[in-house]
Amino acid sequence: MNRLAELDRAESDLRDLALVLARAATDNGNRAPLDEVLDAFGHTRESLAELDDHE
């Protein structure tokens, strides 16, 4: 069981590493303000605050 737990942790760590590497490789340096992103998805800071945590 200990070995299986080690493998599970290693899998999770490798998945995180792959995500970090993919983001680093594709990052073009462009950033968007949070309010612009929220607007693009039809939200505001206020509308997010009103959402139930389970939605």
C-alpha atoms as a PDB file:
ATOM      1  CA  MET A   1       0.000   0.000   0.000  1.00  0.00           C
ATOM      2  CA  ASN A   2       2.905   2.361   0.725  1.00  0.00           C
ATOM      3  CA  ARG A   3       4.266   1.844  -2.783  1.00  0.00           C
ATOM      4  CA  LEU A   4       0.880   2.588  -4.311  1.00  0.00           C
ATOM      5  CA  ALA A   5       0.640   5.796  -2.285  1.00  0.00           C
ATOM      6  CA  GLU A   6       4.125   6.791  -3.485  1.00  0.00           C
ATOM      7  CA  LEU A   7       3.099   6.185  -7.097  1.00  0.00           C
ATOM      8  CA  ASP A   8      -0.058   8.254  -6.634  1.00  0.00           C
ATOM      9  CA  ARG A   9       1.991  11.164  -5.279  1.00  0.00           C
ATOM     10  CA  ALA A  10       4.518  10.827  -8.089  1.00  0.00           C
ATOM     11  CA  GLU A  11       1.721  10.872 -10.668  1.00  0.00           C
ATOM     12  CA  SER A  12       0.278  14.022  -9.153  1.00  0.00           C
ATOM     13  CA  ASP A  13       3.699  15.690  -9.040  1.00  0.00           C
ATOM     14  CA  LEU A  14       4.406  14.792 -12.677  1.00  0.00           C
ATOM     15  CA  ARG A  15       1.034  16.168 -13.766  1.00  0.00           C
ATOM     16  CA  ASP A  16       1.783  19.446 -11.956  1.00  0.00           C
ATOM     17  CA  LEU A  17       5.237  19.588 -13.529  1.00  0.00           C
ATOM     18  CA  ALA A  18       3.812  19.013 -17.011  1.00  0.00           C
ATOM     19  CA  LEU A  19       1.323  21.851 -16.471  1.00  0.00           C
ATOM     20  CA  VAL A  20       4.056  24.221 -15.292  1.00  0.00           C
ATOM     21  CA  LEU A  21       6.271  23.352 -18.253  1.00  0.00           C
ATOM     22  CA  ALA A  22       3.427  23.762 -20.749  1.00  0.00           C
ATOM     23  CA  ARG A  23       2.503  27.141 -19.300  1.00  0.00           C
ATOM     24  CA  ALA A  24       6.120  28.300 -19.315  1.00  0.00           C
ATOM     25  CA  ALA A  25       6.603  27.171 -22.909  1.00  0.00           C
ATOM     26  CA  THR A  26       3.473  28.934 -24.175  1.00  0.00           C
ATOM     27  CA  ASP A  27       3.580  32.107 -22.046  1.00  0.00           C
ATOM     28  CA  ASN A  28       3.798  35.128 -24.326  1.00  0.00           C
ATOM     29  CA  GLY A  29       3.827  37.646 -21.472  1.00  0.00           C
ATOM     30  CA  ASN A  30       0.412  39.120 -22.267  1.00  0.00           C
ATOM     31  CA  ARG A  31      -1.751  39.689 -19.214  1.00  0.00           C
ATOM     32  CA  ALA A  32      -5.363  40.774 -18.914  1.00  0.00           C
ATOM     33  CA  PRO A  33      -6.942  42.621 -16.011  1.00  0.00           C
ATOM     34  CA  LEU A  34      -9.382  40.534 -13.971  1.00  0.00           C
ATOM     35  CA  ASP A  35     -12.285  42.854 -14.752  1.00  0.00           C
ATOM     36  CA  GLU A  36     -11.716  42.377 -18.514  1.00  0.00           C
ATOM     37  CA  VAL A  37     -11.752  38.608 -18.135  1.00  0.00           C
ATOM     38  CA  LEU A  38     -14.884  38.702 -15.995  1.00  0.00           C
ATOM     39  CA  ASP A  39     -16.590  40.944 -18.555  1.00  0.00           C
ATOM     40  CA  ALA A  40     -15.669  38.533 -21.357  1.00  0.00           C
ATOM     41  CA  PHE A  41     -17.505  35.799 -19.463  1.00  0.00           C
ATOM     42  CA  GLY A  42     -20.465  37.993 -18.568  1.00  0.00           C
ATOM     43  CA  HIS A  43     -19.581  38.513 -14.906  1.00  0.00           C
ATOM     44  CA  THR A  44     -18.528  41.256 -12.555  1.00  0.00           C
ATOM     45  CA  ARG A  45     -16.788  41.053  -9.198  1.00  0.00           C
ATOM     46  CA  GLU A  46     -20.181  41.598  -7.611  1.00  0.00           C
ATOM     47  CA  SER A  47     -21.876  38.827  -9.575  1.00  0.00           C
ATOM     48  CA  LEU A  48     -19.135  36.411  -8.524  1.00  0.00           C
ATOM     49  CA  ALA A  49     -19.543  37.395  -4.894  1.00  0.00           C
ATOM     50  CA  GLU A  50     -23.236  36.539  -5.140  1.00  0.00           C
ATOM     51  CA  LEU A  51     -22.627  33.011  -6.463  1.00  0.00           C
ATOM     52  CA  ASP A  52     -23.118  30.050  -4.181  1.00  0.00           C
ATOM     53  CA  ASP A  53     -19.788  28.317  -3.490  1.00  0.00           C
ATOM     54  CA  HIS A  54     -21.234  25.075  -4.855  1.00  0.00           C
ATOM     55  CA  GLU A  55     -22.223  26.412  -8.286  1.00  0.00           C
END
